[in-house]
Amino acid sequence: MFGLIKKLPKHLVLAASMLICLNLQAGKLSEAGAHKSIYVTEWAKLKHKAEIGDPEALFALGNYYYEPPKGSSFRQNYLKSAEFYFQSGIRGNASAQYNLAIMFHRGIGVTSNYIQSYAWFKLASNNQSLVAKHVNLVSSQAVETLESELTAVELVKAKELAQAYKEIVSNKRYRDAHFPEE
């Protein structure tokens, strides 16, 4: 084969090698384009699921805004993350309830609010989903800690808020839930 290449004029060898390189590059570009369209398609599916109220999709979007994947177009936005966690948590996602409680407790993206934190920890600690076992234990401990830290008046407010959220979750009255503006 190499003997054949030596016999061909240099410009034909160069042209042939350029065609081979272009074909290889075109293959890589079409693969990258195909990957990009798959990513866009998956993103569109996730966004659509979130728009129709799927708690897992809402939770995933909350995670993307909390800690954006490297190389993604997401920008870290804790407030958006908290809003997606709120929508997911009000639909019964224990992990979203727990994450939102942490955000309210520490003031990440939202104003620190121990009453809201208590309410969300309480929801997470009582969540009956199959994946909530670990969240239940940690949230229960947080509820006990907050009960000792809140004043009597704050504790009453926190328990009332937790009960209101629990009723929204159990009755699936998601439109009655509004993200706290404080």
N, C-alpha and C. Protein backbone atom coordinates (compact mmCIF):
# COMPACT_ATOMS: atom_id res chain seq x y z
N MET A 1 0.82 -1.18 0.00
CA MET A 1 0.00 0.00 0.00
C MET A 1 0.87 1.26 0.00
N PHE A 2 1.92 1.24 0.82
CA PHE A 2 2.79 2.42 0.87
C PHE A 2 3.50 2.61 -0.47
N GLY A 3 3.77 1.51 -1.16
CA GLY A 3 4.40 1.61 -2.48
C GLY A 3 3.50 2.33 -3.47
N LEU A 4 2.18 2.08 -3.37
CA LEU A 4 1.21 2.73 -4.24
C LEU A 4 1.17 4.23 -3.96
N ILE A 5 1.24 4.61 -2.70
CA ILE A 5 1.22 6.02 -2.32
C ILE A 5 2.44 6.73 -2.86
N LYS A 6 3.62 6.05 -2.87
CA LYS A 6 4.85 6.66 -3.38
C LYS A 6 4.75 6.93 -4.88
N LYS A 7 3.99 6.09 -5.61
CA LYS A 7 3.88 6.24 -7.05
C LYS A 7 2.89 7.33 -7.44
N LEU A 8 1.94 7.68 -6.55
CA LEU A 8 0.95 8.70 -6.87
C LEU A 8 1.56 10.09 -6.74
N PRO A 9 1.10 11.03 -7.57
CA PRO A 9 1.59 12.40 -7.43
C PRO A 9 1.26 12.95 -6.03
N LYS A 10 2.13 13.82 -5.52
CA LYS A 10 1.99 14.34 -4.15
C LYS A 10 0.66 15.06 -3.93
N HIS A 11 0.21 15.79 -4.96
CA HIS A 11 -1.04 16.54 -4.78
C HIS A 11 -2.24 15.60 -4.64
N LEU A 12 -2.22 14.42 -5.26
CA LEU A 12 -3.31 13.45 -5.10
C LEU A 12 -3.28 12.84 -3.70
N VAL A 13 -2.08 12.56 -3.20
CA VAL A 13 -1.95 12.01 -1.85
C VAL A 13 -2.45 13.03 -0.83
N LEU A 14 -2.06 14.28 -1.02
CA LEU A 14 -2.49 15.34 -0.11
C LEU A 14 -4.01 15.51 -0.17
N ALA A 15 -4.57 15.49 -1.37
CA ALA A 15 -6.02 15.63 -1.54
C ALA A 15 -6.76 14.46 -0.89
N ALA A 16 -6.24 13.28 -1.06
CA ALA A 16 -6.87 12.09 -0.48
C ALA A 16 -6.83 12.16 1.04
N SER A 17 -5.68 12.56 1.59
CA SER A 17 -5.57 12.65 3.05
C SER A 17 -6.48 13.73 3.61
N MET A 18 -6.64 14.84 2.86
CA MET A 18 -7.55 15.90 3.30
C MET A 18 -8.99 15.41 3.31
N LEU A 19 -9.37 14.63 2.30
CA LEU A 19 -10.73 14.08 2.25
C LEU A 19 -10.98 13.14 3.42
N ILE A 20 -9.98 12.32 3.71
CA ILE A 20 -10.12 11.40 4.84
C ILE A 20 -10.28 12.19 6.14
N CYS A 21 -9.45 13.23 6.32
CA CYS A 21 -9.55 14.06 7.54
C CYS A 21 -10.89 14.76 7.62
N LEU A 22 -11.36 15.29 6.49
CA LEU A 22 -12.66 15.97 6.49
C LEU A 22 -13.79 15.00 6.82
N ASN A 23 -13.70 13.79 6.29
CA ASN A 23 -14.73 12.80 6.60
C ASN A 23 -14.71 12.44 8.08
N LEU A 24 -13.50 12.30 8.63
CA LEU A 24 -13.41 12.00 10.07
C LEU A 24 -13.96 13.16 10.89
N GLN A 25 -13.60 14.39 10.53
CA GLN A 25 -14.10 15.57 11.26
C GLN A 25 -15.62 15.66 11.12
N ALA A 26 -16.13 15.40 9.93
CA ALA A 26 -17.58 15.46 9.71
C ALA A 26 -18.27 14.44 10.59
N GLY A 27 -17.65 13.25 10.72
CA GLY A 27 -18.24 12.23 11.59
C GLY A 27 -18.28 12.70 13.03
N LYS A 28 -17.18 13.34 13.47
CA LYS A 28 -17.15 13.86 14.84
C LYS A 28 -18.17 14.97 15.03
N LEU A 29 -18.31 15.84 14.05
CA LEU A 29 -19.29 16.92 14.16
C LEU A 29 -20.70 16.38 14.19
N SER A 30 -20.97 15.38 13.35
CA SER A 30 -22.34 14.85 13.35
C SER A 30 -22.62 14.13 14.66
N GLU A 31 -21.58 13.47 15.22
CA GLU A 31 -21.77 12.84 16.53
C GLU A 31 -22.03 13.89 17.60
N ALA A 32 -21.25 14.96 17.59
CA ALA A 32 -21.43 16.02 18.57
C ALA A 32 -22.79 16.66 18.40
N GLY A 33 -23.18 16.88 17.15
CA GLY A 33 -24.50 17.45 16.89
C GLY A 33 -25.60 16.53 17.37
N ALA A 34 -25.41 15.24 17.12
CA ALA A 34 -26.41 14.27 17.56
C ALA A 34 -26.50 14.28 19.09
N HIS A 35 -25.33 14.34 19.75
CA HIS A 35 -25.31 14.38 21.21
C HIS A 35 -26.01 15.64 21.73
N LYS A 36 -25.73 16.75 21.06
CA LYS A 36 -26.34 18.00 21.48
C LYS A 36 -27.86 17.94 21.33
N SER A 37 -28.33 17.38 20.22
CA SER A 37 -29.78 17.31 20.04
C SER A 37 -30.41 16.37 21.05
N ILE A 38 -29.67 15.31 21.43
CA ILE A 38 -30.20 14.42 22.47
C ILE A 38 -30.29 15.18 23.78
N TYR A 39 -29.24 15.97 24.10
CA TYR A 39 -29.25 16.76 25.33
C TYR A 39 -30.43 17.73 25.32
N VAL A 40 -30.62 18.41 24.20
CA VAL A 40 -31.72 19.37 24.09
C VAL A 40 -33.05 18.65 24.22
N THR A 41 -33.15 17.47 23.61
CA THR A 41 -34.38 16.70 23.70
C THR A 41 -34.65 16.28 25.15
N GLU A 42 -33.62 15.79 25.84
CA GLU A 42 -33.79 15.39 27.24
C GLU A 42 -34.16 16.60 28.11
N TRP A 43 -33.52 17.73 27.86
CA TRP A 43 -33.82 18.94 28.59
C TRP A 43 -35.27 19.34 28.36
N ALA A 44 -35.73 19.24 27.11
CA ALA A 44 -37.11 19.59 26.78
C ALA A 44 -38.09 18.67 27.50
N LYS A 45 -37.75 17.38 27.55
CA LYS A 45 -38.62 16.42 28.26
C LYS A 45 -38.68 16.75 29.76
N LEU A 46 -37.53 17.04 30.35
CA LEU A 46 -37.48 17.37 31.77
C LEU A 46 -38.29 18.64 32.05
N LYS A 47 -38.09 19.65 31.23
CA LYS A 47 -38.82 20.91 31.39
C LYS A 47 -40.32 20.69 31.24
N HIS A 48 -40.70 19.88 30.27
CA HIS A 48 -42.13 19.60 30.06
C HIS A 48 -42.71 18.87 31.27
N LYS A 49 -41.99 17.88 31.78
CA LYS A 49 -42.46 17.16 32.96
C LYS A 49 -42.61 18.10 34.15
N ALA A 50 -41.66 19.01 34.31
CA ALA A 50 -41.73 19.98 35.41
C ALA A 50 -42.94 20.89 35.24
N GLU A 51 -43.19 21.32 34.02
CA GLU A 51 -44.32 22.22 33.76
C GLU A 51 -45.66 21.56 34.08
N ILE A 52 -45.74 20.25 33.93
CA ILE A 52 -47.00 19.58 34.25
C ILE A 52 -47.04 19.08 35.70
N GLY A 53 -45.97 19.42 36.46
CA GLY A 53 -46.00 19.17 37.90
C GLY A 53 -45.37 17.88 38.37
N ASP A 54 -44.51 17.25 37.58
CA ASP A 54 -43.85 16.03 38.01
C ASP A 54 -42.85 16.36 39.12
N PRO A 55 -43.03 15.81 40.33
CA PRO A 55 -42.16 16.17 41.45
C PRO A 55 -40.69 15.82 41.23
N GLU A 56 -40.42 14.72 40.55
CA GLU A 56 -39.03 14.32 40.30
C GLU A 56 -38.35 15.30 39.34
N ALA A 57 -39.07 15.74 38.32
CA ALA A 57 -38.51 16.70 37.36
C ALA A 57 -38.28 18.04 38.05
N LEU A 58 -39.21 18.47 38.88
CA LEU A 58 -39.05 19.72 39.63
C LEU A 58 -37.84 19.63 40.56
N PHE A 59 -37.68 18.49 41.20
CA PHE A 59 -36.54 18.28 42.09
C PHE A 59 -35.23 18.32 41.30
N ALA A 60 -35.21 17.67 40.13
CA ALA A 60 -34.00 17.68 39.29
C ALA A 60 -33.64 19.10 38.87
N LEU A 61 -34.62 19.90 38.50
CA LEU A 61 -34.35 21.29 38.13
C LEU A 61 -33.82 22.08 39.33
N GLY A 62 -34.38 21.81 40.50
CA GLY A 62 -33.87 22.45 41.71
C GLY A 62 -32.40 22.11 41.93
N ASN A 63 -32.05 20.85 41.70
CA ASN A 63 -30.65 20.44 41.84
C ASN A 63 -29.75 21.11 40.81
N TYR A 64 -30.26 21.23 39.57
CA TYR A 64 -29.46 21.87 38.51
C TYR A 64 -29.18 23.33 38.85
N TYR A 65 -30.15 24.02 39.42
CA TYR A 65 -29.91 25.42 39.77
C TYR A 65 -29.10 25.55 41.06
N TYR A 66 -29.18 24.57 41.94
CA TYR A 66 -28.39 24.63 43.17
C TYR A 66 -26.91 24.41 42.86
N GLU A 67 -26.63 23.38 42.10
CA GLU A 67 -25.24 23.07 41.72
C GLU A 67 -25.23 22.65 40.25
N PRO A 68 -25.07 23.62 39.35
CA PRO A 68 -25.13 23.33 37.92
C PRO A 68 -24.07 22.33 37.47
N PRO A 69 -24.46 21.40 36.59
CA PRO A 69 -23.47 20.46 36.06
C PRO A 69 -22.41 21.20 35.25
N LYS A 70 -21.17 20.73 35.31
CA LYS A 70 -20.10 21.37 34.54
C LYS A 70 -20.41 21.25 33.06
N GLY A 71 -20.18 22.35 32.36
CA GLY A 71 -20.41 22.35 30.92
C GLY A 71 -21.85 22.58 30.52
N SER A 72 -22.73 22.77 31.49
CA SER A 72 -24.13 23.02 31.15
C SER A 72 -24.36 24.53 31.05
N SER A 73 -25.50 24.87 30.55
CA SER A 73 -25.83 26.30 30.41
C SER A 73 -26.49 26.85 31.68
N PHE A 74 -26.64 26.00 32.69
CA PHE A 74 -27.24 26.46 33.94
C PHE A 74 -26.30 27.40 34.68
N ARG A 75 -26.88 28.39 35.30
CA ARG A 75 -26.14 29.29 36.18
C ARG A 75 -26.67 29.07 37.59
N GLN A 76 -25.78 29.06 38.54
CA GLN A 76 -26.21 28.84 39.92
C GLN A 76 -27.18 29.94 40.33
N ASN A 77 -28.35 29.51 40.83
CA ASN A 77 -29.38 30.44 41.25
C ASN A 77 -30.13 29.78 42.41
N TYR A 78 -29.73 30.13 43.62
CA TYR A 78 -30.31 29.48 44.79
C TYR A 78 -31.80 29.77 44.96
N LEU A 79 -32.22 30.97 44.59
CA LEU A 79 -33.63 31.30 44.71
C LEU A 79 -34.47 30.42 43.79
N LYS A 80 -34.04 30.28 42.54
CA LYS A 80 -34.76 29.39 41.61
C LYS A 80 -34.75 27.96 42.12
N SER A 81 -33.61 27.56 42.66
CA SER A 81 -33.50 26.22 43.22
C SER A 81 -34.53 26.02 44.33
N ALA A 82 -34.62 26.99 45.23
CA ALA A 82 -35.59 26.91 46.33
C ALA A 82 -37.02 26.87 45.79
N GLU A 83 -37.32 27.63 44.75
CA GLU A 83 -38.67 27.63 44.18
C GLU A 83 -39.01 26.27 43.57
N PHE A 84 -38.04 25.65 42.88
CA PHE A 84 -38.29 24.32 42.32
C PHE A 84 -38.42 23.28 43.44
N TYR A 85 -37.59 23.39 44.48
CA TYR A 85 -37.72 22.48 45.62
C TYR A 85 -39.09 22.66 46.29
N PHE A 86 -39.55 23.89 46.39
CA PHE A 86 -40.86 24.16 46.98
C PHE A 86 -41.95 23.44 46.19
N GLN A 87 -41.92 23.60 44.87
CA GLN A 87 -42.95 22.97 44.03
C GLN A 87 -42.87 21.44 44.10
N SER A 88 -41.67 20.91 44.16
CA SER A 88 -41.50 19.47 44.28
C SER A 88 -41.92 18.98 45.68
N GLY A 89 -41.52 19.73 46.70
CA GLY A 89 -41.83 19.36 48.08
C GLY A 89 -43.32 19.40 48.36
N ILE A 90 -44.02 20.35 47.79
CA ILE A 90 -45.46 20.46 48.02
C ILE A 90 -46.20 19.31 47.33
N ARG A 91 -45.51 18.66 46.40
CA ARG A 91 -46.06 17.49 45.72
C ARG A 91 -45.58 16.19 46.36
N GLY A 92 -44.91 16.31 47.51
CA GLY A 92 -44.58 15.14 48.30
C GLY A 92 -43.17 14.59 48.17
N ASN A 93 -42.27 15.25 47.48
CA ASN A 93 -40.91 14.75 47.34
C ASN A 93 -40.14 15.03 48.63
N ALA A 94 -39.77 13.96 49.33
CA ALA A 94 -39.11 14.08 50.63
C ALA A 94 -37.75 14.76 50.54
N SER A 95 -36.99 14.46 49.50
CA SER A 95 -35.67 15.07 49.35
C SER A 95 -35.78 16.57 49.12
N ALA A 96 -36.76 16.97 48.34
CA ALA A 96 -36.98 18.40 48.10
C ALA A 96 -37.41 19.10 49.39
N GLN A 97 -38.25 18.44 50.17
CA GLN A 97 -38.68 19.00 51.45
C GLN A 97 -37.48 19.21 52.36
N TYR A 98 -36.61 18.22 52.41
CA TYR A 98 -35.41 18.30 53.24
C TYR A 98 -34.49 19.41 52.76
N ASN A 99 -34.22 19.45 51.44
CA ASN A 99 -33.32 20.48 50.89
C ASN A 99 -33.86 21.88 51.15
N LEU A 100 -35.17 22.04 50.99
CA LEU A 100 -35.78 23.35 51.22
C LEU A 100 -35.66 23.74 52.70
N ALA A 101 -35.84 22.78 53.58
CA ALA A 101 -35.69 23.05 55.02
C ALA A 101 -34.27 23.53 55.32
N ILE A 102 -33.29 22.89 54.72
CA ILE A 102 -31.89 23.29 54.91
C ILE A 102 -31.69 24.71 54.40
N MET A 103 -32.24 25.01 53.22
CA MET A 103 -32.06 26.34 52.63
C MET A 103 -32.68 27.42 53.52
N PHE A 104 -33.87 27.15 54.07
CA PHE A 104 -34.48 28.13 54.97
C PHE A 104 -33.71 28.22 56.28
N HIS A 105 -33.20 27.12 56.74
CA HIS A 105 -32.45 27.13 58.01
C HIS A 105 -31.16 27.95 57.88
N ARG A 106 -30.45 27.74 56.79
CA ARG A 106 -29.16 28.41 56.60
C ARG A 106 -29.25 29.74 55.86
N GLY A 107 -30.42 30.03 55.30
CA GLY A 107 -30.57 31.27 54.53
C GLY A 107 -29.87 31.21 53.18
N ILE A 108 -29.95 30.08 52.52
CA ILE A 108 -29.32 29.90 51.21
C ILE A 108 -30.34 30.25 50.13
N GLY A 109 -30.16 31.40 49.48
CA GLY A 109 -31.07 31.82 48.42
C GLY A 109 -32.36 32.43 48.91
N VAL A 110 -32.64 32.25 50.17
CA VAL A 110 -33.84 32.79 50.81
C VAL A 110 -33.44 33.39 52.15
N THR A 111 -34.31 34.19 52.70
CA THR A 111 -34.04 34.73 54.03
C THR A 111 -34.13 33.60 55.05
N SER A 112 -33.18 33.54 55.94
CA SER A 112 -33.20 32.52 56.98
C SER A 112 -34.50 32.62 57.77
N ASN A 113 -35.20 31.51 57.87
CA ASN A 113 -36.51 31.50 58.50
C ASN A 113 -36.70 30.15 59.19
N TYR A 114 -36.55 30.13 60.50
CA TYR A 114 -36.63 28.87 61.25
C TYR A 114 -38.05 28.32 61.29
N ILE A 115 -39.04 29.17 61.15
CA ILE A 115 -40.43 28.68 61.12
C ILE A 115 -40.66 27.88 59.84
N GLN A 116 -40.23 28.44 58.70
CA GLN A 116 -40.34 27.71 57.43
C GLN A 116 -39.48 26.44 57.49
N SER A 117 -38.29 26.57 58.04
CA SER A 117 -37.39 25.43 58.14
C SER A 117 -38.05 24.30 58.94
N TYR A 118 -38.63 24.66 60.08
CA TYR A 118 -39.32 23.67 60.91
C TYR A 118 -40.43 22.99 60.13
N ALA A 119 -41.25 23.78 59.43
CA ALA A 119 -42.38 23.23 58.68
C ALA A 119 -41.92 22.21 57.64
N TRP A 120 -40.84 22.55 56.92
CA TRP A 120 -40.36 21.64 55.88
C TRP A 120 -39.65 20.42 56.47
N PHE A 121 -38.92 20.60 57.57
CA PHE A 121 -38.33 19.44 58.24
C PHE A 121 -39.43 18.52 58.76
N LYS A 122 -40.49 19.11 59.28
CA LYS A 122 -41.61 18.32 59.81
C LYS A 122 -42.26 17.50 58.69
N LEU A 123 -42.48 18.15 57.53
CA LEU A 123 -43.04 17.42 56.39
C LEU A 123 -42.12 16.28 55.97
N ALA A 124 -40.84 16.55 55.88
CA ALA A 124 -39.88 15.53 55.46
C ALA A 124 -39.81 14.39 56.48
N SER A 125 -39.92 14.71 57.76
CA SER A 125 -39.83 13.67 58.79
C SER A 125 -41.06 12.76 58.79
N ASN A 126 -42.18 13.27 58.31
CA ASN A 126 -43.42 12.47 58.28
C ASN A 126 -43.72 11.91 56.89
N ASN A 127 -42.84 12.13 55.94
CA ASN A 127 -43.07 11.67 54.57
C ASN A 127 -43.08 10.14 54.54
N GLN A 128 -44.10 9.59 53.92
CA GLN A 128 -44.28 8.13 53.91
C GLN A 128 -43.75 7.45 52.65
N SER A 129 -43.07 8.19 51.79
CA SER A 129 -42.57 7.57 50.55
C SER A 129 -41.49 6.55 50.87
N LEU A 130 -41.29 5.63 49.95
CA LEU A 130 -40.32 4.55 50.16
C LEU A 130 -38.88 5.05 50.22
N VAL A 131 -38.60 6.14 49.54
CA VAL A 131 -37.22 6.64 49.49
C VAL A 131 -36.90 7.61 50.63
N ALA A 132 -37.83 7.81 51.53
CA ALA A 132 -37.68 8.85 52.54
C ALA A 132 -37.10 8.37 53.88
N LYS A 133 -36.70 7.12 53.97
CA LYS A 133 -36.25 6.59 55.26
C LYS A 133 -35.11 7.40 55.88
N HIS A 134 -34.07 7.65 55.11
CA HIS A 134 -32.93 8.41 55.65
C HIS A 134 -33.34 9.85 55.94
N VAL A 135 -34.10 10.43 55.04
CA VAL A 135 -34.57 11.80 55.21
C VAL A 135 -35.44 11.91 56.46
N ASN A 136 -36.27 10.89 56.72
CA ASN A 136 -37.13 10.90 57.91
C ASN A 136 -36.32 11.00 59.19
N LEU A 137 -35.28 10.21 59.29
CA LEU A 137 -34.47 10.18 60.51
C LEU A 137 -33.76 11.51 60.73
N VAL A 138 -33.08 12.02 59.71
CA VAL A 138 -32.34 13.27 59.85
C VAL A 138 -33.29 14.43 60.10
N SER A 139 -34.42 14.44 59.41
CA SER A 139 -35.40 15.51 59.58
C SER A 139 -36.02 15.48 60.97
N SER A 140 -36.27 14.30 61.49
CA SER A 140 -36.83 14.18 62.84
C SER A 140 -35.89 14.78 63.88
N GLN A 141 -34.61 14.54 63.70
CA GLN A 141 -33.61 15.11 64.61
C GLN A 141 -33.60 16.64 64.50
N ALA A 142 -33.72 17.14 63.29
CA ALA A 142 -33.74 18.60 63.08
C ALA A 142 -34.99 19.21 63.72
N VAL A 143 -36.13 18.52 63.62
CA VAL A 143 -37.37 19.01 64.23
C VAL A 143 -37.19 19.12 65.74
N GLU A 144 -36.60 18.10 66.36
CA GLU A 144 -36.37 18.13 67.80
C GLU A 144 -35.46 19.29 68.20
N THR A 145 -34.43 19.52 67.42
CA THR A 145 -33.51 20.63 67.71
C THR A 145 -34.22 21.97 67.59
N LEU A 146 -34.98 22.13 66.51
CA LEU A 146 -35.69 23.40 66.31
C LEU A 146 -36.76 23.64 67.37
N GLU A 147 -37.40 22.59 67.83
CA GLU A 147 -38.41 22.74 68.89
C GLU A 147 -37.81 23.35 70.15
N SER A 148 -36.55 23.03 70.41
CA SER A 148 -35.90 23.60 71.59
C SER A 148 -35.38 25.02 71.34
N GLU A 149 -35.16 25.38 70.05
CA GLU A 149 -34.61 26.69 69.73
C GLU A 149 -35.68 27.76 69.49
N LEU A 150 -36.86 27.35 69.05
CA LEU A 150 -37.93 28.31 68.75
C LEU A 150 -38.63 28.76 70.03
N THR A 151 -39.12 29.99 70.03
CA THR A 151 -39.93 30.45 71.15
C THR A 151 -41.28 29.75 71.08
N ALA A 152 -42.07 29.85 72.13
CA ALA A 152 -43.38 29.20 72.16
C ALA A 152 -44.28 29.72 71.03
N VAL A 153 -44.26 31.03 70.82
CA VAL A 153 -45.08 31.63 69.76
C VAL A 153 -44.62 31.16 68.39
N GLU A 154 -43.30 31.15 68.17
CA GLU A 154 -42.75 30.69 66.90
C GLU A 154 -43.07 29.21 66.65
N LEU A 155 -43.01 28.41 67.70
CA LEU A 155 -43.29 26.99 67.57
C LEU A 155 -44.75 26.76 67.17
N VAL A 156 -45.65 27.53 67.74
CA VAL A 156 -47.07 27.42 67.37
C VAL A 156 -47.24 27.77 65.89
N LYS A 157 -46.62 28.87 65.45
CA LYS A 157 -46.70 29.28 64.04
C LYS A 157 -46.11 28.20 63.13
N ALA A 158 -44.97 27.65 63.55
CA ALA A 158 -44.29 26.63 62.75
C ALA A 158 -45.16 25.37 62.61
N LYS A 159 -45.79 24.96 63.71
CA LYS A 159 -46.65 23.77 63.66
C LYS A 159 -47.89 24.03 62.80
N GLU A 160 -48.45 25.24 62.88
CA GLU A 160 -49.59 25.59 62.03
C GLU A 160 -49.20 25.58 60.56
N LEU A 161 -48.03 26.12 60.26
CA LEU A 161 -47.55 26.15 58.88
C LEU A 161 -47.31 24.73 58.37
N ALA A 162 -46.69 23.91 59.19
CA ALA A 162 -46.45 22.51 58.81
C ALA A 162 -47.76 21.79 58.55
N GLN A 163 -48.77 22.05 59.37
CA GLN A 163 -50.08 21.43 59.19
C GLN A 163 -50.73 21.92 57.89
N ALA A 164 -50.61 23.21 57.60
CA ALA A 164 -51.18 23.76 56.37
C ALA A 164 -50.52 23.13 55.15
N TYR A 165 -49.19 23.01 55.17
CA TYR A 165 -48.49 22.36 54.06
C TYR A 165 -48.89 20.89 53.95
N LYS A 166 -49.03 20.23 55.09
CA LYS A 166 -49.41 18.81 55.08
C LYS A 166 -50.78 18.62 54.43
N GLU A 167 -51.71 19.51 54.72
CA GLU A 167 -53.04 19.43 54.12
C GLU A 167 -52.99 19.66 52.61
N ILE A 168 -52.16 20.61 52.19
CA ILE A 168 -52.00 20.86 50.75
C ILE A 168 -51.44 19.63 50.06
N VAL A 169 -50.43 19.02 50.67
CA VAL A 169 -49.81 17.83 50.09
C VAL A 169 -50.81 16.68 50.04
N SER A 170 -51.48 16.41 51.15
CA SER A 170 -52.38 15.25 51.19
C SER A 170 -53.63 15.45 50.32
N ASN A 171 -54.11 16.68 50.21
CA ASN A 171 -55.30 16.94 49.39
C ASN A 171 -54.95 17.31 47.95
N LYS A 172 -53.67 17.37 47.64
CA LYS A 172 -53.18 17.70 46.30
C LYS A 172 -53.74 19.04 45.81
N ARG A 173 -53.77 20.01 46.70
CA ARG A 173 -54.23 21.37 46.36
C ARG A 173 -53.00 22.26 46.11
N TYR A 174 -52.25 21.90 45.10
CA TYR A 174 -50.96 22.55 44.85
C TYR A 174 -51.11 24.03 44.53
N ARG A 175 -52.22 24.41 43.95
CA ARG A 175 -52.43 25.82 43.60
C ARG A 175 -52.62 26.70 44.84
N ASP A 176 -52.93 26.08 45.95
CA ASP A 176 -53.09 26.84 47.21
C ASP A 176 -51.75 27.16 47.85
N ALA A 177 -50.70 26.53 47.37
CA ALA A 177 -49.37 26.74 47.96
C ALA A 177 -48.65 27.86 47.22
N HIS A 178 -48.09 28.77 48.00
CA HIS A 178 -47.35 29.89 47.42
C HIS A 178 -45.98 29.96 48.08
N PHE A 179 -44.97 30.14 47.26
CA PHE A 179 -43.63 30.25 47.78
C PHE A 179 -43.54 31.44 48.71
N PRO A 180 -43.00 31.26 49.90
CA PRO A 180 -42.93 32.36 50.88
C PRO A 180 -42.11 33.54 50.38
N GLU A 181 -42.67 34.70 50.45
CA GLU A 181 -41.99 35.93 50.04
C GLU A 181 -41.56 36.71 51.27
N GLU A 182 -40.41 36.43 51.80
CA GLU A 182 -39.93 37.14 52.99
C GLU A 182 -38.52 37.56 52.84
